[in-house]
Amino acid sequence: MKHVIETIETQVNYLFIWSMPRIFYVTHCPAKVSNGKREDFMQTKKLAGEPSLESLAALAKKGQKEALEELVRRIQDRIYGLALRTLFLPADAEDATQEILIKVITHLAYFKGESRFTTWVFRIATNHLLTTHKRRAEKRGFSLDRAEEQIEAALSLSSSENAGACENNLLIEEVRLACLQGMLLCLTREIRLAFILGVVFEVTSVEGARILDVTQETFRQRLSRGRKQIHNFMTTKCSLVNPENPCACAKLVPHEIRIKMLDPENLRFAGHRCHARENRLAVVRLQELGEMRRVAALFRSHPDYAAPDTFVDSIRKLVESGRLEMTISH
């Protein structure tokens, strides 16, 4: 627990949502706020004087290992964030991210600059996430109907045992993040990825269609289905969307600990390393938003999760082994 607390104190500002019921504090991690606009998800952070991703890709194709490592460093967090939201478990997201990075590297010769490099990368990433074998969390058979039954059982048990609401903000935050992640697993992969791209990362229908290699109409239809399913569930269950709803994160904490879905010593999401950015605490008054926008704001409030530091080293070792060199320079 000491490690988790130290990580949190040094890396993240967390949400304390129950001390002020009508105000929801959003972490700084999901996006950098500038003039009221969300940072473009498809644009990775670029410091003054840094080469563009397209320039790095061109140099990497010529065999410059330093450019390749910098390219991996600049795209790994975005890929990991997408994989984590798609697959739920950090370990599975790490595996998928490494697999995607290898696909990106071994196909660099096929990047012709006809789109932004990030669009090309996420086309590879989403295709991999759509076609990869079912991961551990997906095999549990999540569904919104099952989630509703579990919530009702948990609230009923808490009421019968006269268990009070948890006052540990960190554990409340873990339940909130895990619940939102779990809801994504209740969607089919196609709809899930459209929802993540369109709602969480706010890509346009043009960009989303390019990434998923579908028509704009198909992307909009998938996004609409995802929004409808999540919206219908949350507006009738989640007290963050409607304070009159029965399900409150603080009430679920004791039950989640009891059934071993929550380990206070190992917080999967609230204890996850993430990036600190400017404007560290933005305040969103959820009750002043329409229900649809409230739902979207909750999903966008997830931290900007940081990928493990091991990816660059792993890619370096693969390149040095000679197993990737011919493909990169092909």
C-alpha atoms as a PDB file:
ATOM      1  CA  MET A   1       0.000   0.000   0.000  1.00  0.00           C
ATOM      2  CA  LYS A   2       2.912   2.312   0.697  1.00  0.00           C
ATOM      3  CA  HIS A   3       4.067   1.935  -2.906  1.00  0.00           C
ATOM      4  CA  VAL A   4       0.600   2.788  -4.197  1.00  0.00           C
ATOM      5  CA  ILE A   5       0.351   5.882  -2.020  1.00  0.00           C
ATOM      6  CA  GLU A   6       3.817   7.072  -3.069  1.00  0.00           C
ATOM      7  CA  THR A   7       2.911   6.539  -6.719  1.00  0.00           C
ATOM      8  CA  ILE A   8      -0.252   8.529  -6.303  1.00  0.00           C
ATOM      9  CA  GLU A   9       1.386  11.371  -4.409  1.00  0.00           C
ATOM     10  CA  THR A  10       4.084  11.783  -7.037  1.00  0.00           C
ATOM     11  CA  GLN A  11       2.256  10.974 -10.259  1.00  0.00           C
ATOM     12  CA  VAL A  12      -1.464  11.713 -10.094  1.00  0.00           C
ATOM     13  CA  ASN A  13      -4.101  14.061  -8.741  1.00  0.00           C
ATOM     14  CA  TYR A  14      -7.159  12.022  -7.908  1.00  0.00           C
ATOM     15  CA  LEU A  15     -10.885  12.615  -7.883  1.00  0.00           C
ATOM     16  CA  PHE A  16     -12.635  13.270  -4.618  1.00  0.00           C
ATOM     17  CA  ILE A  17     -16.204  13.026  -5.739  1.00  0.00           C
ATOM     18  CA  TRP A  18     -18.121  12.375  -2.557  1.00  0.00           C
ATOM     19  CA  SER A  19     -17.095  15.363  -0.495  1.00  0.00           C
ATOM     20  CA  MET A  20     -19.038  17.667  -2.839  1.00  0.00           C
ATOM     21  CA  PRO A  21     -21.923  15.662  -4.314  1.00  0.00           C
ATOM     22  CA  ARG A  22     -22.821  18.039  -7.122  1.00  0.00           C
ATOM     23  CA  ILE A  23     -19.315  18.750  -8.333  1.00  0.00           C
ATOM     24  CA  PHE A  24     -17.148  16.204 -10.087  1.00  0.00           C
ATOM     25  CA  TYR A  25     -13.416  16.750 -10.065  1.00  0.00           C
ATOM     26  CA  VAL A  26     -11.734  15.477 -13.200  1.00  0.00           C
ATOM     27  CA  THR A  27      -8.091  14.436 -13.203  1.00  0.00           C
ATOM     28  CA  HIS A  28      -5.714  16.333 -15.405  1.00  0.00           C
ATOM     29  CA  CYS A  29      -4.674  13.156 -17.179  1.00  0.00           C
ATOM     30  CA  PRO A  30      -7.176  12.611 -20.018  1.00  0.00           C
ATOM     31  CA  ALA A  31      -6.349  15.731 -21.950  1.00  0.00           C
ATOM     32  CA  LYS A  32      -4.545  18.994 -21.743  1.00  0.00           C
ATOM     33  CA  VAL A  33      -7.058  21.832 -21.645  1.00  0.00           C
ATOM     34  CA  SER A  34      -6.262  24.816 -23.809  1.00  0.00           C
ATOM     35  CA  ASN A  35      -8.730  27.621 -24.429  1.00  0.00           C
ATOM     36  CA  GLY A  36     -11.551  25.300 -23.472  1.00  0.00           C
ATOM     37  CA  LYS A  37     -10.692  22.760 -26.159  1.00  0.00           C
ATOM     38  CA  ARG A  38      -9.568  19.193 -25.709  1.00  0.00           C
ATOM     39  CA  GLU A  39      -6.134  18.321 -26.991  1.00  0.00           C
ATOM     40  CA  ASP A  40      -6.373  16.424 -30.299  1.00  0.00           C
ATOM     41  CA  PHE A  41      -6.082  12.737 -29.452  1.00  0.00           C
ATOM     42  CA  MET A  42      -4.358  12.006 -32.734  1.00  0.00           C
ATOM     43  CA  GLN A  43      -1.581  14.523 -32.052  1.00  0.00           C
ATOM     44  CA  THR A  44       1.139  13.233 -29.755  1.00  0.00           C
ATOM     45  CA  LYS A  45       2.907  15.746 -27.552  1.00  0.00           C
ATOM     46  CA  LYS A  46       5.590  17.506 -29.558  1.00  0.00           C
ATOM     47  CA  LEU A  47       8.088  19.861 -27.989  1.00  0.00           C
ATOM     48  CA  ALA A  48       9.576  22.817 -29.821  1.00  0.00           C
ATOM     49  CA  GLY A  49      12.320  21.649 -32.147  1.00  0.00           C
ATOM     50  CA  GLU A  50      11.270  18.002 -32.054  1.00  0.00           C
ATOM     51  CA  PRO A  51      10.979  16.199 -35.396  1.00  0.00           C
ATOM     52  CA  SER A  52       7.509  15.162 -36.493  1.00  0.00           C
ATOM     53  CA  LEU A  53       6.426  11.552 -36.287  1.00  0.00           C
ATOM     54  CA  GLU A  54       6.465  11.430 -40.069  1.00  0.00           C
ATOM     55  CA  SER A  55      10.098  12.588 -40.085  1.00  0.00           C
ATOM     56  CA  LEU A  56      11.039  10.027 -37.451  1.00  0.00           C
ATOM     57  CA  ALA A  57       9.329   7.295 -39.454  1.00  0.00           C
ATOM     58  CA  ALA A  58      11.301   8.262 -42.557  1.00  0.00           C
ATOM     59  CA  LEU A  59      14.577   8.159 -40.617  1.00  0.00           C
ATOM     60  CA  ALA A  60      13.657   4.857 -38.975  1.00  0.00           C
ATOM     61  CA  LYS A  61      13.002   3.314 -42.383  1.00  0.00           C
ATOM     62  CA  LYS A  62      16.547   4.271 -43.327  1.00  0.00           C
ATOM     63  CA  GLY A  63      17.855   2.297 -40.376  1.00  0.00           C
ATOM     64  CA  GLN A  64      18.417   5.046 -37.797  1.00  0.00           C
ATOM     65  CA  LYS A  65      17.872   3.223 -34.517  1.00  0.00           C
ATOM     66  CA  GLU A  66      17.683   6.421 -32.457  1.00  0.00           C
ATOM     67  CA  ALA A  67      14.795   7.632 -34.607  1.00  0.00           C
ATOM     68  CA  LEU A  68      13.055   4.291 -34.214  1.00  0.00           C
ATOM     69  CA  GLU A  69      13.366   4.388 -30.435  1.00  0.00           C
ATOM     70  CA  GLU A  70      12.045   7.940 -30.287  1.00  0.00           C
ATOM     71  CA  LEU A  71       9.164   6.955 -32.546  1.00  0.00           C
ATOM     72  CA  VAL A  72       8.222   4.116 -30.201  1.00  0.00           C
ATOM     73  CA  ARG A  73       8.555   6.413 -27.195  1.00  0.00           C
ATOM     74  CA  ARG A  74       6.210   8.984 -28.755  1.00  0.00           C
ATOM     75  CA  ILE A  75       3.407   6.581 -29.731  1.00  0.00           C
ATOM     76  CA  GLN A  76       3.492   3.912 -27.016  1.00  0.00           C
ATOM     77  CA  ASP A  77       1.268   5.682 -24.468  1.00  0.00           C
ATOM     78  CA  ARG A  78      -1.532   6.312 -26.960  1.00  0.00           C
ATOM     79  CA  ILE A  79      -1.504   2.700 -28.100  1.00  0.00           C
ATOM     80  CA  TYR A  80      -1.419   1.464 -24.514  1.00  0.00           C
ATOM     81  CA  GLY A  81      -4.312   3.729 -23.496  1.00  0.00           C
ATOM     82  CA  LEU A  82      -6.412   2.389 -26.358  1.00  0.00           C
ATOM     83  CA  ALA A  83      -5.503  -1.216 -25.540  1.00  0.00           C
ATOM     84  CA  LEU A  84      -6.232  -0.805 -21.818  1.00  0.00           C
ATOM     85  CA  ARG A  85      -9.682   0.629 -22.441  1.00  0.00           C
ATOM     86  CA  THR A  86     -10.386  -2.168 -24.906  1.00  0.00           C
ATOM     87  CA  LEU A  87      -9.058  -5.143 -22.914  1.00  0.00           C
ATOM     88  CA  PHE A  88      -9.527  -3.989 -19.273  1.00  0.00           C
ATOM     89  CA  LEU A  89      -6.542  -5.741 -17.665  1.00  0.00           C
ATOM     90  CA  PRO A  90      -3.205  -3.854 -17.698  1.00  0.00           C
ATOM     91  CA  ALA A  91      -1.210  -7.059 -18.298  1.00  0.00           C
ATOM     92  CA  ASP A  92      -3.274  -7.889 -21.388  1.00  0.00           C
ATOM     93  CA  ALA A  93      -2.985  -4.284 -22.581  1.00  0.00           C
ATOM     94  CA  GLU A  94       0.797  -4.462 -22.195  1.00  0.00           C
ATOM     95  CA  ASP A  95       0.973  -7.641 -24.277  1.00  0.00           C
ATOM     96  CA  ALA A  96      -1.265  -6.182 -26.975  1.00  0.00           C
ATOM     97  CA  THR A  97       0.703  -2.919 -27.042  1.00  0.00           C
ATOM     98  CA  GLN A  98       3.977  -4.733 -27.617  1.00  0.00           C
ATOM     99  CA  GLU A  99       2.388  -6.811 -30.376  1.00  0.00           C
ATOM    100  CA  ILE A 100       1.028  -3.648 -32.006  1.00  0.00           C
ATOM    101  CA  LEU A 101       4.356  -1.827 -31.748  1.00  0.00           C
ATOM    102  CA  ILE A 102       6.093  -4.733 -33.476  1.00  0.00           C
ATOM    103  CA  LYS A 103       3.483  -4.639 -36.252  1.00  0.00           C
ATOM    104  CA  VAL A 104       4.033  -0.899 -36.654  1.00  0.00           C
ATOM    105  CA  ILE A 105       7.796  -1.317 -36.853  1.00  0.00           C
ATOM    106  CA  THR A 106       7.721  -4.259 -39.235  1.00  0.00           C
ATOM    107  CA  HIS A 107       5.359  -2.415 -41.567  1.00  0.00           C
ATOM    108  CA  LEU A 108       7.046   0.996 -41.589  1.00  0.00           C
ATOM    109  CA  ALA A 109       7.992   0.529 -45.238  1.00  0.00           C
ATOM    110  CA  TYR A 110       4.292   0.625 -46.087  1.00  0.00           C
ATOM    111  CA  PHE A 111       3.662   4.030 -44.551  1.00  0.00           C
ATOM    112  CA  LYS A 112       3.473   6.314 -47.584  1.00  0.00           C
ATOM    113  CA  GLY A 113       2.500   9.536 -45.850  1.00  0.00           C
ATOM    114  CA  GLU A 114      -1.006   9.559 -47.330  1.00  0.00           C
ATOM    115  CA  SER A 115      -2.447  10.159 -43.850  1.00  0.00           C
ATOM    116  CA  ARG A 116      -1.110  11.340 -40.529  1.00  0.00           C
ATOM    117  CA  PHE A 117       1.269   8.827 -39.004  1.00  0.00           C
ATOM    118  CA  THR A 118      -0.943   8.524 -35.928  1.00  0.00           C
ATOM    119  CA  THR A 119      -3.947   7.642 -38.095  1.00  0.00           C
ATOM    120  CA  TRP A 120      -1.902   4.911 -39.765  1.00  0.00           C
ATOM    121  CA  VAL A 121      -0.680   3.617 -36.386  1.00  0.00           C
ATOM    122  CA  PHE A 122      -4.170   3.485 -34.929  1.00  0.00           C
ATOM    123  CA  ARG A 123      -5.472   1.704 -37.977  1.00  0.00           C
ATOM    124  CA  ILE A 124      -2.936  -1.039 -37.219  1.00  0.00           C
ATOM    125  CA  ALA A 125      -3.777  -0.913 -33.501  1.00  0.00           C
ATOM    126  CA  THR A 126      -7.553  -1.152 -33.890  1.00  0.00           C
ATOM    127  CA  ASN A 127      -7.269  -3.916 -36.475  1.00  0.00           C
ATOM    128  CA  HIS A 128      -5.114  -5.878 -34.036  1.00  0.00           C
ATOM    129  CA  LEU A 129      -7.519  -5.273 -31.160  1.00  0.00           C
ATOM    130  CA  LEU A 130     -10.479  -6.304 -33.309  1.00  0.00           C
ATOM    131  CA  THR A 131      -8.917  -9.571 -34.435  1.00  0.00           C
ATOM    132  CA  THR A 132      -6.800 -10.696 -31.473  1.00  0.00           C
ATOM    133  CA  HIS A 133      -7.952 -13.699 -29.460  1.00  0.00           C
ATOM    134  CA  LYS A 134     -10.281 -13.120 -26.532  1.00  0.00           C
ATOM    135  CA  ARG A 135      -8.354 -11.880 -23.530  1.00  0.00           C
ATOM    136  CA  ARG A 136      -8.979 -12.846 -19.918  1.00  0.00           C
ATOM    137  CA  ALA A 137     -11.474 -10.138 -19.015  1.00  0.00           C
ATOM    138  CA  GLU A 138     -13.524 -10.740 -22.166  1.00  0.00           C
ATOM    139  CA  LYS A 139     -13.811 -14.444 -21.343  1.00  0.00           C
ATOM    140  CA  ARG A 140     -15.730 -13.565 -18.177  1.00  0.00           C
ATOM    141  CA  GLY A 141     -18.795 -12.860 -20.287  1.00  0.00           C
ATOM    142  CA  PHE A 142     -19.540  -9.276 -19.258  1.00  0.00           C
ATOM    143  CA  SER A 143     -22.938  -7.904 -20.242  1.00  0.00           C
ATOM    144  CA  LEU A 144     -25.003  -4.934 -19.137  1.00  0.00           C
ATOM    145  CA  ASP A 145     -27.784  -7.269 -17.953  1.00  0.00           C
ATOM    146  CA  ARG A 146     -25.304  -9.175 -15.806  1.00  0.00           C
ATOM    147  CA  ALA A 147     -23.841  -5.915 -14.507  1.00  0.00           C
ATOM    148  CA  GLU A 148     -27.329  -4.785 -13.478  1.00  0.00           C
ATOM    149  CA  GLU A 149     -27.889  -8.033 -11.560  1.00  0.00           C
ATOM    150  CA  GLN A 150     -24.539  -7.720  -9.791  1.00  0.00           C
ATOM    151  CA  ILE A 151     -25.217  -4.119  -8.793  1.00  0.00           C
ATOM    152  CA  GLU A 152     -28.623  -5.002  -7.360  1.00  0.00           C
ATOM    153  CA  ALA A 153     -27.143  -7.946  -5.447  1.00  0.00           C
ATOM    154  CA  ALA A 154     -24.322  -5.802  -4.060  1.00  0.00           C
ATOM    155  CA  LEU A 155     -26.646  -3.002  -2.955  1.00  0.00           C
ATOM    156  CA  SER A 156     -29.073  -5.483  -1.407  1.00  0.00           C
ATOM    157  CA  LEU A 157     -26.281  -7.178   0.532  1.00  0.00           C
ATOM    158  CA  SER A 158     -24.868  -3.851   1.715  1.00  0.00           C
ATOM    159  CA  SER A 159     -28.310  -2.790   2.897  1.00  0.00           C
ATOM    160  CA  SER A 160     -29.024  -6.064   4.724  1.00  0.00           C
ATOM    161  CA  GLU A 161     -25.658  -5.929   6.482  1.00  0.00           C
ATOM    162  CA  ASN A 162     -26.171  -2.254   7.275  1.00  0.00           C
ATOM    163  CA  ALA A 163     -22.775  -1.545   5.748  1.00  0.00           C
ATOM    164  CA  GLY A 164     -22.003   2.136   5.534  1.00  0.00           C
ATOM    165  CA  ALA A 165     -20.582   3.826   2.465  1.00  0.00           C
ATOM    166  CA  CYS A 166     -16.820   3.761   2.123  1.00  0.00           C
ATOM    167  CA  GLU A 167     -15.040   7.021   2.976  1.00  0.00           C
ATOM    168  CA  ASN A 168     -11.704   6.112   1.384  1.00  0.00           C
ATOM    169  CA  ASN A 169     -11.585   8.310  -1.713  1.00  0.00           C
ATOM    170  CA  LEU A 170      -8.886   6.228  -3.348  1.00  0.00           C
ATOM    171  CA  LEU A 171     -10.935   3.027  -3.119  1.00  0.00           C
ATOM    172  CA  ILE A 172     -14.015   4.888  -4.354  1.00  0.00           C
ATOM    173  CA  GLU A 173     -11.995   6.080  -7.322  1.00  0.00           C
ATOM    174  CA  GLU A 174     -10.826   2.537  -8.065  1.00  0.00           C
ATOM    175  CA  VAL A 175     -14.415   1.285  -8.139  1.00  0.00           C
ATOM    176  CA  ARG A 176     -15.487   4.156 -10.390  1.00  0.00           C
ATOM    177  CA  LEU A 177     -12.694   3.577 -12.890  1.00  0.00           C
ATOM    178  CA  ALA A 178     -13.122  -0.200 -12.885  1.00  0.00           C
ATOM    179  CA  CYS A 179     -16.881   0.117 -13.332  1.00  0.00           C
ATOM    180  CA  LEU A 180     -16.527   2.389 -16.348  1.00  0.00           C
ATOM    181  CA  GLN A 181     -13.896   0.087 -17.836  1.00  0.00           C
ATOM    182  CA  GLY A 182     -16.161  -2.893 -17.205  1.00  0.00           C
ATOM    183  CA  MET A 183     -19.052  -1.235 -19.017  1.00  0.00           C
ATOM    184  CA  LEU A 184     -16.896  -0.967 -22.135  1.00  0.00           C
ATOM    185  CA  LEU A 185     -16.381  -4.742 -22.025  1.00  0.00           C
ATOM    186  CA  CYS A 186     -20.151  -5.152 -22.267  1.00  0.00           C
ATOM    187  CA  LEU A 187     -20.035  -3.810 -25.822  1.00  0.00           C
ATOM    188  CA  THR A 188     -18.967  -5.847 -28.833  1.00  0.00           C
ATOM    189  CA  ARG A 189     -15.414  -5.113 -29.938  1.00  0.00           C
ATOM    190  CA  GLU A 190     -16.537  -3.196 -33.022  1.00  0.00           C
ATOM    191  CA  ILE A 191     -18.918  -0.993 -31.054  1.00  0.00           C
ATOM    192  CA  ARG A 192     -16.474  -0.726 -28.145  1.00  0.00           C
ATOM    193  CA  LEU A 193     -13.674   0.649 -30.321  1.00  0.00           C
ATOM    194  CA  ALA A 194     -16.016   3.086 -32.063  1.00  0.00           C
ATOM    195  CA  PHE A 195     -17.220   4.294 -28.641  1.00  0.00           C
ATOM    196  CA  ILE A 196     -13.670   4.664 -27.304  1.00  0.00           C
ATOM    197  CA  LEU A 197     -12.533   6.578 -30.381  1.00  0.00           C
ATOM    198  CA  GLY A 198     -15.628   8.743 -30.732  1.00  0.00           C
ATOM    199  CA  VAL A 199     -16.589   9.424 -27.101  1.00  0.00           C
ATOM    200  CA  VAL A 200     -13.421   9.002 -25.066  1.00  0.00           C
ATOM    201  CA  PHE A 201     -10.871  10.324 -27.558  1.00  0.00           C
ATOM    202  CA  GLU A 202     -13.299  12.518 -29.521  1.00  0.00           C
ATOM    203  CA  VAL A 203     -12.047  11.698 -32.996  1.00  0.00           C
ATOM    204  CA  THR A 204     -14.206  12.914 -35.859  1.00  0.00           C
ATOM    205  CA  SER A 205     -16.296  10.519 -37.932  1.00  0.00           C
ATOM    206  CA  VAL A 206     -13.846  11.102 -40.790  1.00  0.00           C
ATOM    207  CA  GLU A 207     -10.853  10.136 -38.637  1.00  0.00           C
ATOM    208  CA  GLY A 208     -12.718   7.279 -36.968  1.00  0.00           C
ATOM    209  CA  ALA A 209     -13.757   5.832 -40.314  1.00  0.00           C
ATOM    210  CA  ARG A 210     -10.166   5.959 -41.552  1.00  0.00           C
ATOM    211  CA  ILE A 211      -8.844   4.300 -38.414  1.00  0.00           C
ATOM    212  CA  LEU A 212     -11.396   1.471 -38.458  1.00  0.00           C
ATOM    213  CA  ASP A 213     -11.348   1.197 -42.259  1.00  0.00           C
ATOM    214  CA  VAL A 214     -15.108   1.594 -42.566  1.00  0.00           C
ATOM    215  CA  THR A 215     -17.412   4.178 -44.094  1.00  0.00           C
ATOM    216  CA  GLN A 216     -18.254   7.276 -42.089  1.00  0.00           C
ATOM    217  CA  GLU A 217     -21.859   6.092 -41.917  1.00  0.00           C
ATOM    218  CA  THR A 218     -20.787   2.739 -40.446  1.00  0.00           C
ATOM    219  CA  PHE A 219     -18.607   4.476 -37.876  1.00  0.00           C
ATOM    220  CA  ARG A 220     -21.452   6.787 -36.869  1.00  0.00           C
ATOM    221  CA  GLN A 221     -23.864   3.844 -36.572  1.00  0.00           C
ATOM    222  CA  ARG A 222     -21.488   1.894 -34.323  1.00  0.00           C
ATOM    223  CA  LEU A 223     -20.845   4.966 -32.214  1.00  0.00           C
ATOM    224  CA  SER A 224     -24.574   5.638 -31.906  1.00  0.00           C
ATOM    225  CA  ARG A 225     -25.258   2.067 -30.779  1.00  0.00           C
ATOM    226  CA  GLY A 226     -22.538   2.239 -28.171  1.00  0.00           C
ATOM    227  CA  ARG A 227     -23.762   5.573 -26.858  1.00  0.00           C
ATOM    228  CA  LYS A 228     -27.329   4.298 -26.634  1.00  0.00           C
ATOM    229  CA  GLN A 229     -26.397   1.117 -24.741  1.00  0.00           C
ATOM    230  CA  ILE A 230     -24.133   2.883 -22.254  1.00  0.00           C
ATOM    231  CA  HIS A 231     -26.471   5.863 -21.870  1.00  0.00           C
ATOM    232  CA  ASN A 232     -29.536   3.704 -21.194  1.00  0.00           C
ATOM    233  CA  PHE A 233     -27.662   1.762 -18.522  1.00  0.00           C
ATOM    234  CA  MET A 234     -26.021   4.675 -16.739  1.00  0.00           C
ATOM    235  CA  THR A 235     -29.026   6.997 -16.704  1.00  0.00           C
ATOM    236  CA  THR A 236     -31.039   4.391 -14.798  1.00  0.00           C
ATOM    237  CA  LYS A 237     -28.292   3.039 -12.518  1.00  0.00           C
ATOM    238  CA  CYS A 238     -25.377   5.432 -11.977  1.00  0.00           C
ATOM    239  CA  SER A 239     -25.733   8.131  -9.317  1.00  0.00           C
ATOM    240  CA  LEU A 240     -22.987  10.184 -10.966  1.00  0.00           C
ATOM    241  CA  VAL A 241     -25.264  10.677 -13.960  1.00  0.00           C
ATOM    242  CA  ASN A 242     -28.435  11.018 -11.887  1.00  0.00           C
ATOM    243  CA  PRO A 243     -28.064  11.517  -8.095  1.00  0.00           C
ATOM    244  CA  GLU A 244     -31.401   9.757  -7.565  1.00  0.00           C
ATOM    245  CA  ASN A 245     -30.069   6.502  -9.009  1.00  0.00           C
ATOM    246  CA  PRO A 246     -29.239   3.750  -6.499  1.00  0.00           C
ATOM    247  CA  CYS A 247     -25.710   2.773  -7.539  1.00  0.00           C
ATOM    248  CA  ALA A 248     -22.997   4.776  -5.780  1.00  0.00           C
ATOM    249  CA  CYS A 249     -19.321   3.823  -5.956  1.00  0.00           C
ATOM    250  CA  ALA A 250     -18.863   4.318  -2.207  1.00  0.00           C
ATOM    251  CA  LYS A 251     -21.622   1.802  -1.470  1.00  0.00           C
ATOM    252  CA  LEU A 252     -20.033  -0.842  -3.692  1.00  0.00           C
ATOM    253  CA  VAL A 253     -16.543  -0.760  -2.160  1.00  0.00           C
ATOM    254  CA  PRO A 254     -17.225  -3.196   0.749  1.00  0.00           C
ATOM    255  CA  HIS A 255     -18.882  -5.697  -1.592  1.00  0.00           C
ATOM    256  CA  GLU A 256     -16.098  -5.475  -4.176  1.00  0.00           C
ATOM    257  CA  ILE A 257     -13.516  -6.161  -1.476  1.00  0.00           C
ATOM    258  CA  ARG A 258     -15.569  -9.065  -0.111  1.00  0.00           C
ATOM    259  CA  ILE A 259     -15.797 -10.843  -3.495  1.00  0.00           C
ATOM    260  CA  LYS A 260     -12.114 -10.080  -4.188  1.00  0.00           C
ATOM    261  CA  MET A 261     -12.792  -7.856  -7.189  1.00  0.00           C
ATOM    262  CA  LEU A 262     -11.046  -5.017  -5.357  1.00  0.00           C
ATOM    263  CA  ASP A 263      -7.684  -5.429  -3.648  1.00  0.00           C
ATOM    264  CA  PRO A 264      -6.857  -2.342  -1.547  1.00  0.00           C
ATOM    265  CA  GLU A 265      -3.171  -3.297  -1.730  1.00  0.00           C
ATOM    266  CA  ASN A 266      -3.133  -3.502  -5.526  1.00  0.00           C
ATOM    267  CA  LEU A 267      -5.240  -0.843  -7.210  1.00  0.00           C
ATOM    268  CA  ARG A 268      -5.413  -1.711 -10.877  1.00  0.00           C
ATOM    269  CA  PHE A 269      -6.534   1.709 -12.146  1.00  0.00           C
ATOM    270  CA  ALA A 270      -6.345   4.284  -9.346  1.00  0.00           C
ATOM    271  CA  GLY A 271      -2.788   3.164  -8.622  1.00  0.00           C
ATOM    272  CA  HIS A 272      -1.720   3.047 -12.249  1.00  0.00           C
ATOM    273  CA  ARG A 273       1.158   5.277 -13.342  1.00  0.00           C
ATOM    274  CA  CYS A 274      -0.023   8.156 -15.510  1.00  0.00           C
ATOM    275  CA  HIS A 275       1.185  11.457 -16.883  1.00  0.00           C
ATOM    276  CA  ALA A 276       1.007  14.813 -15.122  1.00  0.00           C
ATOM    277  CA  ARG A 277       0.048  17.713 -17.340  1.00  0.00           C
ATOM    278  CA  GLU A 278      -0.782  21.361 -17.107  1.00  0.00           C
ATOM    279  CA  ASN A 279      -4.129  22.471 -15.642  1.00  0.00           C
ATOM    280  CA  ARG A 280      -3.962  19.542 -13.254  1.00  0.00           C
ATOM    281  CA  LEU A 281      -7.456  19.904 -11.855  1.00  0.00           C
ATOM    282  CA  ALA A 282     -10.327  20.927 -14.083  1.00  0.00           C
ATOM    283  CA  VAL A 283     -13.764  21.174 -12.492  1.00  0.00           C
ATOM    284  CA  VAL A 284     -16.761  19.892 -14.404  1.00  0.00           C
ATOM    285  CA  ARG A 285     -20.201  20.557 -12.968  1.00  0.00           C
ATOM    286  CA  LEU A 286     -21.873  17.358 -14.109  1.00  0.00           C
ATOM    287  CA  GLN A 287     -25.358  18.408 -13.087  1.00  0.00           C
ATOM    288  CA  GLU A 288     -25.143  21.397 -15.429  1.00  0.00           C
ATOM    289  CA  LEU A 289     -24.575  19.062 -18.389  1.00  0.00           C
ATOM    290  CA  GLY A 290     -27.179  17.064 -20.265  1.00  0.00           C
ATOM    291  CA  GLU A 291     -27.242  13.353 -19.465  1.00  0.00           C
ATOM    292  CA  MET A 292     -25.459  12.339 -22.672  1.00  0.00           C
ATOM    293  CA  ARG A 293     -22.661  14.824 -22.031  1.00  0.00           C
ATOM    294  CA  ARG A 294     -22.437  13.692 -18.400  1.00  0.00           C
ATOM    295  CA  VAL A 295     -21.849  10.112 -19.524  1.00  0.00           C
ATOM    296  CA  ALA A 296     -19.170  11.229 -21.981  1.00  0.00           C
ATOM    297  CA  ALA A 297     -17.469  13.400 -19.339  1.00  0.00           C
ATOM    298  CA  LEU A 298     -17.208  10.428 -16.990  1.00  0.00           C
ATOM    299  CA  PHE A 299     -15.500   8.255 -19.592  1.00  0.00           C
ATOM    300  CA  ARG A 300     -13.129  11.073 -20.545  1.00  0.00           C
ATOM    301  CA  SER A 301     -12.123  11.564 -16.922  1.00  0.00           C
ATOM    302  CA  HIS A 302      -9.924   8.473 -16.896  1.00  0.00           C
ATOM    303  CA  PRO A 303      -6.237   9.145 -16.290  1.00  0.00           C
ATOM    304  CA  ASP A 304      -3.839   9.406 -19.212  1.00  0.00           C
ATOM    305  CA  TYR A 305      -2.261   6.057 -18.428  1.00  0.00           C
ATOM    306  CA  ALA A 306       1.474   5.716 -19.023  1.00  0.00           C
ATOM    307  CA  ALA A 307       2.836   2.679 -20.822  1.00  0.00           C
ATOM    308  CA  PRO A 308       5.521   0.607 -19.076  1.00  0.00           C
ATOM    309  CA  ASP A 309       9.080   1.819 -19.580  1.00  0.00           C
ATOM    310  CA  THR A 310      10.115  -1.575 -20.936  1.00  0.00           C
ATOM    311  CA  PHE A 311       8.742  -1.185 -24.462  1.00  0.00           C
ATOM    312  CA  VAL A 312      11.607   0.874 -25.875  1.00  0.00           C
ATOM    313  CA  ASP A 313      14.188  -1.519 -24.415  1.00  0.00           C
ATOM    314  CA  SER A 314      12.320  -4.515 -25.808  1.00  0.00           C
ATOM    315  CA  ILE A 315      12.181  -3.006 -29.287  1.00  0.00           C
ATOM    316  CA  ARG A 316      15.862  -2.083 -29.079  1.00  0.00           C
ATOM    317  CA  LYS A 317      16.772  -5.677 -28.257  1.00  0.00           C
ATOM    318  CA  LEU A 318      14.691  -6.972 -31.152  1.00  0.00           C
ATOM    319  CA  VAL A 319      16.376  -4.588 -33.571  1.00  0.00           C
ATOM    320  CA  GLU A 320      19.831  -5.422 -32.248  1.00  0.00           C
ATOM    321  CA  SER A 321      19.074  -9.121 -32.661  1.00  0.00           C
ATOM    322  CA  GLY A 322      18.651  -8.542 -36.399  1.00  0.00           C
ATOM    323  CA  ARG A 323      15.185 -10.075 -36.498  1.00  0.00           C
ATOM    324  CA  LEU A 324      13.468  -6.808 -37.463  1.00  0.00           C
ATOM    325  CA  GLU A 325      16.130  -4.984 -39.448  1.00  0.00           C
ATOM    326  CA  MET A 326      15.337  -6.406 -42.909  1.00  0.00           C
ATOM    327  CA  THR A 327      11.638  -5.739 -42.525  1.00  0.00           C
ATOM    328  CA  ILE A 328      12.146  -2.148 -41.389  1.00  0.00           C
ATOM    329  CA  SER A 329      14.422  -1.241 -44.266  1.00  0.00           C
ATOM    330  CA  HIS A 330      12.487  -3.298 -46.817  1.00  0.00           C
END
